[in-house]
Amino acid sequence: MKNNQDAYTVVGTNINEVKSQNENSGMSYNQVKEWLAKTSGGCGTEIYSNTDGKNVKNSIQTPEE
């Protein structure tokens, strides 16, 4: 049974159906970028990192006794 509230584009695409399929399609482009940055490292991925750079820098510069 069709919903009378469904909106269609000029060429006949059901907008609500497309939105529904998109919700079930997996990760978005930005979610994939974030996941790749967190799991593989790489250049320019600092914004996705959960590492405290100051702590790492301090641990490298502090000589072990």
PDB file of N, CA and C in Angstrom:
ATOM      1  N   MET A   1       0.851  -1.176   0.000  1.00  0.00           N
ATOM      2  CA  MET A   1       0.000   0.000   0.000  1.00  0.00           C
ATOM      3  C   MET A   1       0.896   1.239   0.000  1.00  0.00           C
ATOM      4  N   LYS A   2       0.656   2.162  -0.875  1.00  0.00           N
ATOM      5  CA  LYS A   2       1.452   3.373  -0.989  1.00  0.00           C
ATOM      6  C   LYS A   2       0.972   4.422  -0.003  1.00  0.00           C
ATOM      7  N   ASN A   3       1.952   5.169   0.503  1.00  0.00           N
ATOM      8  CA  ASN A   3       1.660   6.259   1.402  1.00  0.00           C
ATOM      9  C   ASN A   3       1.342   7.498   0.567  1.00  0.00           C
ATOM     10  N   ASN A   4       0.224   8.130   0.813  1.00  0.00           N
ATOM     11  CA  ASN A   4      -0.153   9.317   0.058  1.00  0.00           C
ATOM     12  C   ASN A   4       0.750  10.504   0.360  1.00  0.00           C
ATOM     13  N   GLN A   5       1.551  10.425   1.409  1.00  0.00           N
ATOM     14  CA  GLN A   5       2.460  11.494   1.792  1.00  0.00           C
ATOM     15  C   GLN A   5       3.768  11.449   1.001  1.00  0.00           C
ATOM     16  N   ASP A   6       4.004  10.391   0.232  1.00  0.00           N
ATOM     17  CA  ASP A   6       5.249  10.246  -0.510  1.00  0.00           C
ATOM     18  C   ASP A   6       5.431  11.397  -1.495  1.00  0.00           C
ATOM     19  N   ALA A   7       6.652  11.895  -1.544  1.00  0.00           N
ATOM     20  CA  ALA A   7       6.980  12.967  -2.485  1.00  0.00           C
ATOM     21  C   ALA A   7       7.821  12.376  -3.609  1.00  0.00           C
ATOM     22  N   TYR A   8       7.611  12.860  -4.799  1.00  0.00           N
ATOM     23  CA  TYR A   8       8.311  12.351  -5.975  1.00  0.00           C
ATOM     24  C   TYR A   8       9.041  13.492  -6.678  1.00  0.00           C
ATOM     25  N   THR A   9      10.188  13.157  -7.277  1.00  0.00           N
ATOM     26  CA  THR A   9      10.906  14.135  -8.079  1.00  0.00           C
ATOM     27  C   THR A   9      10.221  14.274  -9.426  1.00  0.00           C
ATOM     28  N   VAL A  10      10.710  15.183 -10.244  1.00  0.00           N
ATOM     29  CA  VAL A  10      10.141  15.417 -11.574  1.00  0.00           C
ATOM     30  C   VAL A  10      10.199  14.160 -12.425  1.00  0.00           C
ATOM     31  N   VAL A  11      11.254  13.350 -12.247  1.00  0.00           N
ATOM     32  CA  VAL A  11      11.395  12.138 -13.058  1.00  0.00           C
ATOM     33  C   VAL A  11      10.730  10.924 -12.427  1.00  0.00           C
ATOM     34  N   GLY A  12      10.084  11.101 -11.266  1.00  0.00           N
ATOM     35  CA  GLY A  12       9.316  10.022 -10.668  1.00  0.00           C
ATOM     36  C   GLY A  12      10.002   9.248  -9.562  1.00  0.00           C
ATOM     37  N   THR A  13      11.124   9.737  -9.051  1.00  0.00           N
ATOM     38  CA  THR A  13      11.823   9.053  -7.959  1.00  0.00           C
ATOM     39  C   THR A  13      11.120   9.336  -6.643  1.00  0.00           C
ATOM     40  N   ASN A  14      10.855   8.284  -5.882  1.00  0.00           N
ATOM     41  CA  ASN A  14      10.217   8.413  -4.580  1.00  0.00           C
ATOM     42  C   ASN A  14      11.265   8.880  -3.568  1.00  0.00           C
ATOM     43  N   ILE A  15      11.175  10.113  -3.121  1.00  0.00           N
ATOM     44  CA  ILE A  15      12.177  10.711  -2.229  1.00  0.00           C
ATOM     45  C   ILE A  15      12.246   9.978  -0.898  1.00  0.00           C
ATOM     46  N   ASN A  16      11.110   9.632  -0.333  1.00  0.00           N
ATOM     47  CA  ASN A  16      11.107   8.944   0.961  1.00  0.00           C
ATOM     48  C   ASN A  16      11.741   7.559   0.866  1.00  0.00           C
ATOM     49  N   GLU A  17      11.536   6.885  -0.250  1.00  0.00           N
ATOM     50  CA  GLU A  17      12.148   5.562  -0.450  1.00  0.00           C
ATOM     51  C   GLU A  17      13.663   5.677  -0.540  1.00  0.00           C
ATOM     52  N   VAL A  18      14.153   6.697  -1.231  1.00  0.00           N
ATOM     53  CA  VAL A  18      15.598   6.912  -1.349  1.00  0.00           C
ATOM     54  C   VAL A  18      16.193   7.205   0.021  1.00  0.00           C
ATOM     55  N   LYS A  19      15.537   8.043   0.804  1.00  0.00           N
ATOM     56  CA  LYS A  19      16.016   8.362   2.160  1.00  0.00           C
ATOM     57  C   LYS A  19      16.055   7.106   3.020  1.00  0.00           C
ATOM     58  N   SER A  20      15.039   6.279   2.900  1.00  0.00           N
ATOM     59  CA  SER A  20      14.992   5.032   3.661  1.00  0.00           C
ATOM     60  C   SER A  20      16.142   4.103   3.280  1.00  0.00           C
ATOM     61  N   GLN A  21      16.414   3.986   2.003  1.00  0.00           N
ATOM     62  CA  GLN A  21      17.514   3.138   1.546  1.00  0.00           C
ATOM     63  C   GLN A  21      18.856   3.700   1.987  1.00  0.00           C
ATOM     64  N   ASN A  22      19.012   5.017   1.985  1.00  0.00           N
ATOM     65  CA  ASN A  22      20.256   5.642   2.426  1.00  0.00           C
ATOM     66  C   ASN A  22      20.543   5.363   3.898  1.00  0.00           C
ATOM     67  N   GLU A  23      19.500   5.353   4.723  1.00  0.00           N
ATOM     68  CA  GLU A  23      19.673   5.082   6.152  1.00  0.00           C
ATOM     69  C   GLU A  23      20.233   3.682   6.391  1.00  0.00           C
ATOM     70  N   ASN A  24      19.955   2.761   5.503  1.00  0.00           N
ATOM     71  CA  ASN A  24      20.376   1.375   5.663  1.00  0.00           C
ATOM     72  C   ASN A  24      21.587   1.016   4.808  1.00  0.00           C
ATOM     73  N   SER A  25      22.258   2.018   4.245  1.00  0.00           N
ATOM     74  CA  SER A  25      23.318   1.729   3.287  1.00  0.00           C
ATOM     75  C   SER A  25      24.706   1.605   3.898  1.00  0.00           C
ATOM     76  N   GLY A  26      24.885   1.895   5.175  1.00  0.00           N
ATOM     77  CA  GLY A  26      26.198   1.788   5.799  1.00  0.00           C
ATOM     78  C   GLY A  26      26.755   3.139   6.182  1.00  0.00           C
ATOM     79  N   MET A  27      28.087   3.197   6.317  1.00  0.00           N
ATOM     80  CA  MET A  27      28.733   4.416   6.766  1.00  0.00           C
ATOM     81  C   MET A  27      28.721   5.494   5.687  1.00  0.00           C
ATOM     82  N   SER A  28      28.689   6.742   6.144  1.00  0.00           N
ATOM     83  CA  SER A  28      28.785   7.863   5.224  1.00  0.00           C
ATOM     84  C   SER A  28      30.247   8.053   4.822  1.00  0.00           C
ATOM     85  N   TYR A  29      30.477   8.893   3.848  1.00  0.00           N
ATOM     86  CA  TYR A  29      31.833   9.188   3.377  1.00  0.00           C
ATOM     87  C   TYR A  29      32.696   9.710   4.525  1.00  0.00           C
ATOM     88  N   ASN A  30      32.160  10.649   5.304  1.00  0.00           N
ATOM     89  CA  ASN A  30      32.927  11.209   6.408  1.00  0.00           C
ATOM     90  C   ASN A  30      33.153  10.185   7.520  1.00  0.00           C
ATOM     91  N   GLN A  31      32.208   9.308   7.758  1.00  0.00           N
ATOM     92  CA  GLN A  31      32.398   8.256   8.754  1.00  0.00           C
ATOM     93  C   GLN A  31      33.502   7.298   8.318  1.00  0.00           C
ATOM     94  N   VAL A  32      33.572   6.990   7.043  1.00  0.00           N
ATOM     95  CA  VAL A  32      34.632   6.125   6.519  1.00  0.00           C
ATOM     96  C   VAL A  32      35.984   6.798   6.682  1.00  0.00           C
ATOM     97  N   LYS A  33      36.078   8.102   6.350  1.00  0.00           N
ATOM     98  CA  LYS A  33      37.334   8.834   6.517  1.00  0.00           C
ATOM     99  C   LYS A  33      37.796   8.802   7.972  1.00  0.00           C
ATOM    100  N   GLU A  34      36.874   9.026   8.894  1.00  0.00           N
ATOM    101  CA  GLU A  34      37.219   9.021  10.310  1.00  0.00           C
ATOM    102  C   GLU A  34      37.681   7.634  10.750  1.00  0.00           C
ATOM    103  N   TRP A  35      36.982   6.601  10.340  1.00  0.00           N
ATOM    104  CA  TRP A  35      37.351   5.230  10.718  1.00  0.00           C
ATOM    105  C   TRP A  35      38.735   4.876  10.184  1.00  0.00           C
ATOM    106  N   LEU A  36      38.998   5.217   8.924  1.00  0.00           N
ATOM    107  CA  LEU A  36      40.305   4.930   8.333  1.00  0.00           C
ATOM    108  C   LEU A  36      41.419   5.673   9.067  1.00  0.00           C
ATOM    109  N   ALA A  37      41.172   6.917   9.418  1.00  0.00           N
ATOM    110  CA  ALA A  37      42.181   7.703  10.121  1.00  0.00           C
ATOM    111  C   ALA A  37      42.477   7.112  11.493  1.00  0.00           C
ATOM    112  N   LYS A  38      41.447   6.655  12.182  1.00  0.00           N
ATOM    113  CA  LYS A  38      41.640   6.105  13.529  1.00  0.00           C
ATOM    114  C   LYS A  38      42.297   4.730  13.494  1.00  0.00           C
ATOM    115  N   THR A  39      42.053   3.968  12.452  1.00  0.00           N
ATOM    116  CA  THR A  39      42.555   2.600  12.438  1.00  0.00           C
ATOM    117  C   THR A  39      43.842   2.417  11.660  1.00  0.00           C
ATOM    118  N   SER A  40      44.188   3.368  10.791  1.00  0.00           N
ATOM    119  CA  SER A  40      45.386   3.167   9.985  1.00  0.00           C
ATOM    120  C   SER A  40      46.429   4.264  10.140  1.00  0.00           C
ATOM    121  N   GLY A  41      46.108   5.325  10.862  1.00  0.00           N
ATOM    122  CA  GLY A  41      47.049   6.438  10.993  1.00  0.00           C
ATOM    123  C   GLY A  41      47.169   7.162   9.682  1.00  0.00           C
ATOM    124  N   GLY A  42      48.246   7.886   9.505  1.00  0.00           N
ATOM    125  CA  GLY A  42      48.451   8.573   8.240  1.00  0.00           C
ATOM    126  C   GLY A  42      48.647  10.056   8.418  1.00  0.00           C
ATOM    127  N   CYS A  43      48.996  10.705   7.365  1.00  0.00           N
ATOM    128  CA  CYS A  43      49.297  12.133   7.349  1.00  0.00           C
ATOM    129  C   CYS A  43      48.003  12.951   7.383  1.00  0.00           C
ATOM    130  N   GLY A  44      47.970  13.953   8.254  1.00  0.00           N
ATOM    131  CA  GLY A  44      46.818  14.844   8.308  1.00  0.00           C
ATOM    132  C   GLY A  44      45.608  14.279   9.008  1.00  0.00           C
ATOM    133  N   THR A  45      45.785  13.301   9.888  1.00  0.00           N
ATOM    134  CA  THR A  45      44.649  12.671  10.558  1.00  0.00           C
ATOM    135  C   THR A  45      44.520  13.102  12.018  1.00  0.00           C
ATOM    136  N   GLU A  46      45.223  14.170  12.403  1.00  0.00           N
ATOM    137  CA  GLU A  46      45.228  14.590  13.802  1.00  0.00           C
ATOM    138  C   GLU A  46      43.828  14.887  14.345  1.00  0.00           C
ATOM    139  N   ILE A  47      42.960  15.430  13.511  1.00  0.00           N
ATOM    140  CA  ILE A  47      41.633  15.808  14.000  1.00  0.00           C
ATOM    141  C   ILE A  47      40.816  14.584  14.414  1.00  0.00           C
ATOM    142  N   TYR A  48      41.171  13.417  13.936  1.00  0.00           N
ATOM    143  CA  TYR A  48      40.435  12.200  14.274  1.00  0.00           C
ATOM    144  C   TYR A  48      41.111  11.411  15.400  1.00  0.00           C
ATOM    145  N   SER A  49      42.270  11.854  15.828  1.00  0.00           N
ATOM    146  CA  SER A  49      43.053  11.090  16.786  1.00  0.00           C
ATOM    147  C   SER A  49      42.523  11.255  18.201  1.00  0.00           C
ATOM    148  N   ASN A  50      42.624  10.193  18.989  1.00  0.00           N
ATOM    149  CA  ASN A  50      42.283  10.276  20.396  1.00  0.00           C
ATOM    150  C   ASN A  50      43.552  10.186  21.246  1.00  0.00           C
ATOM    151  N   THR A  51      44.709  10.414  20.637  1.00  0.00           N
ATOM    152  CA  THR A  51      45.994  10.400  21.328  1.00  0.00           C
ATOM    153  C   THR A  51      46.329  11.803  21.793  1.00  0.00           C
ATOM    154  N   ASP A  52      46.812  11.923  23.035  1.00  0.00           N
ATOM    155  CA  ASP A  52      47.231  13.211  23.565  1.00  0.00           C
ATOM    156  C   ASP A  52      48.671  13.453  23.145  1.00  0.00           C
ATOM    157  N   GLY A  53      48.859  14.316  22.179  1.00  0.00           N
ATOM    158  CA  GLY A  53      50.179  14.586  21.624  1.00  0.00           C
ATOM    159  C   GLY A  53      51.175  15.106  22.644  1.00  0.00           C
ATOM    160  N   LYS A  54      50.709  15.915  23.592  1.00  0.00           N
ATOM    161  CA  LYS A  54      51.600  16.463  24.625  1.00  0.00           C
ATOM    162  C   LYS A  54      52.177  15.348  25.491  1.00  0.00           C
ATOM    163  N   ASN A  55      51.365  14.374  25.847  1.00  0.00           N
ATOM    164  CA  ASN A  55      51.845  13.252  26.652  1.00  0.00           C
ATOM    165  C   ASN A  55      52.871  12.424  25.889  1.00  0.00           C
ATOM    166  N   VAL A  56      52.627  12.203  24.627  1.00  0.00           N
ATOM    167  CA  VAL A  56      53.564  11.437  23.806  1.00  0.00           C
ATOM    168  C   VAL A  56      54.883  12.178  23.704  1.00  0.00           C
ATOM    169  N   LYS A  57      54.811  13.472  23.437  1.00  0.00           N
ATOM    170  CA  LYS A  57      56.021  14.287  23.308  1.00  0.00           C
ATOM    171  C   LYS A  57      56.817  14.284  24.612  1.00  0.00           C
ATOM    172  N   ASN A  58      56.128  14.433  25.733  1.00  0.00           N
ATOM    173  CA  ASN A  58      56.800  14.427  27.037  1.00  0.00           C
ATOM    174  C   ASN A  58      57.434  13.075  27.334  1.00  0.00           C
ATOM    175  N   SER A  59      56.768  11.994  26.987  1.00  0.00           N
ATOM    176  CA  SER A  59      57.324  10.671  27.271  1.00  0.00           C
ATOM    177  C   SER A  59      58.553  10.390  26.408  1.00  0.00           C
ATOM    178  N   ILE A  60      58.598  10.961  25.222  1.00  0.00           N
ATOM    179  CA  ILE A  60      59.761  10.773  24.351  1.00  0.00           C
ATOM    180  C   ILE A  60      60.941  11.605  24.846  1.00  0.00           C
ATOM    181  N   GLN A  61      60.671  12.813  25.320  1.00  0.00           N
ATOM    182  CA  GLN A  61      61.730  13.718  25.738  1.00  0.00           C
ATOM    183  C   GLN A  61      62.267  13.418  27.137  1.00  0.00           C
ATOM    184  N   THR A  62      61.507  12.727  27.964  1.00  0.00           N
ATOM    185  CA  THR A  62      61.933  12.405  29.314  1.00  0.00           C
ATOM    186  C   THR A  62      62.839  11.183  29.294  1.00  0.00           C
ATOM    187  N   PRO A  63      64.094  11.344  29.716  1.00  0.00           N
ATOM    188  CA  PRO A  63      64.991  10.186  29.717  1.00  0.00           C
ATOM    189  C   PRO A  63      64.576   9.175  30.780  1.00  0.00           C
ATOM    190  N   GLU A  64      64.694   7.917  30.436  1.00  0.00           N
ATOM    191  CA  GLU A  64      64.366   6.856  31.394  1.00  0.00           C
ATOM    192  C   GLU A  64      65.525   6.680  32.351  1.00  0.00           C
ATOM    193  N   GLU A  65      65.216   6.404  33.587  1.00  0.00           N
ATOM    194  CA  GLU A  65      66.253   6.218  34.593  1.00  0.00           C
ATOM    195  C   GLU A  65      66.554   4.764  34.810  1.00  0.00           C
TER     196      GLU A  65
END
